[in-house]
Protein backbone atom coordinates (compact mmCIF):
# COMPACT_ATOMS: atom_id res chain seq x y z
CA MET A 1 149.15 -16.23 126.59
CA THR A 2 148.67 -18.16 123.39
CA LEU A 3 151.32 -18.57 120.73
CA GLU A 4 149.20 -16.38 118.45
CA GLU A 5 149.15 -13.57 121.05
CA PHE A 6 152.91 -13.96 121.49
CA VAL A 7 153.51 -13.63 117.74
CA ARG A 8 151.17 -10.64 117.53
CA ASN A 9 153.08 -8.86 120.33
CA LEU A 10 156.36 -9.43 118.49
CA THR A 11 155.20 -8.65 114.96
CA GLU A 12 152.64 -5.88 115.47
CA GLU A 13 153.55 -4.21 118.75
CA TYR A 14 157.31 -4.91 118.49
CA GLY A 15 157.55 -5.78 122.18
CA THR A 16 160.57 -7.53 123.67
CA ALA A 17 159.65 -10.91 125.13
CA GLU A 18 161.49 -12.40 128.10
CA PHE A 19 161.20 -15.80 129.74
CA GLU A 20 163.18 -18.47 131.56
CA TYR A 21 163.94 -21.92 130.18
CA ASN A 22 166.10 -24.63 131.80
CA GLY A 23 167.25 -22.08 134.40
CA GLN A 24 168.51 -19.67 131.72
CA GLN A 25 167.27 -16.17 130.96
CA CYS A 26 165.87 -16.05 127.43
CA GLY A 27 164.10 -13.63 125.16
CA VAL A 28 163.24 -12.30 121.75
CA GLU A 29 163.80 -8.72 120.66
CA PRO A 30 162.35 -7.40 117.39
CA GLN A 31 164.21 -4.62 115.59
CA THR A 32 162.81 -2.63 112.67
CA GLN A 33 164.95 -0.65 110.28
CA ASP A 34 163.86 0.67 106.87
CA SER A 35 160.49 -1.09 107.30
CA GLU A 36 162.20 -4.50 107.70
CA THR A 37 161.87 -6.34 111.01
CA THR A 38 164.48 -8.79 112.25
CA TYR A 39 164.51 -10.71 115.52
CA THR A 40 167.28 -11.51 117.98
CA MET A 41 166.69 -14.45 120.31
CA TRP A 42 168.86 -15.37 123.27
CA TYR A 43 169.19 -18.38 125.54
CA GLY A 44 171.58 -17.68 128.39
CA GLU A 45 174.75 -16.39 126.71
CA VAL A 46 173.87 -17.63 123.20
CA TRP A 47 172.33 -15.15 120.76
CA LYS A 48 170.99 -15.67 117.24
CA ASP A 49 169.44 -13.37 114.63
CA TYR A 50 166.45 -14.25 112.43
CA ASP A 51 165.08 -12.57 109.31
CA ASN A 52 161.51 -13.76 109.86
CA ILE A 53 159.18 -14.97 112.58
CA ASP A 54 158.65 -18.42 111.04
CA ASP A 55 162.36 -19.27 111.24
CA LEU A 56 162.50 -17.96 114.80
CA LEU A 57 159.58 -20.14 115.90
CA SER A 58 160.80 -23.34 114.22
CA ASP A 59 164.57 -23.28 114.86
CA GLY A 60 165.82 -25.90 117.35
CA PHE A 61 167.63 -23.16 119.30
CA PHE A 62 166.76 -24.43 122.79
CA ASP A 63 168.81 -27.63 123.15
CA GLY A 64 167.26 -28.98 119.94
CA GLU A 65 163.75 -27.76 120.77
CA SER A 66 162.07 -24.91 118.93
CA LEU A 67 160.38 -21.93 120.55
CA GLN A 68 157.00 -23.25 119.46
CA ASP A 69 157.87 -26.63 121.06
CA ILE A 70 158.77 -25.12 124.44
CA PHE A 71 156.13 -22.38 124.39
CA PRO A 72 153.53 -24.34 126.42
CA SER A 73 156.06 -24.79 129.25
CA ILE A 74 157.27 -21.18 129.59
CA ASP A 75 155.84 -17.99 131.09
CA VAL A 76 156.50 -15.03 128.80
CA TRP A 77 156.37 -11.39 129.79
CA PHE A 78 156.68 -8.30 127.61
């Protein structure tokens, strides 16, 4: 899966993504309310909310690495 396909699944199909990183269960869950979509991302027991996909992809949430940085090394399923 490419990063573009991943983003499309989150932003157009509103699928929940799950993956493992550094031995921790991780994921991204989109939520839409009143035509506004927000995203919750988790890494083990740590959770964080994002107002847009660009912030979600670029935040150093994974031990200082962003989701787009680690994406080539993870297997995502929806």
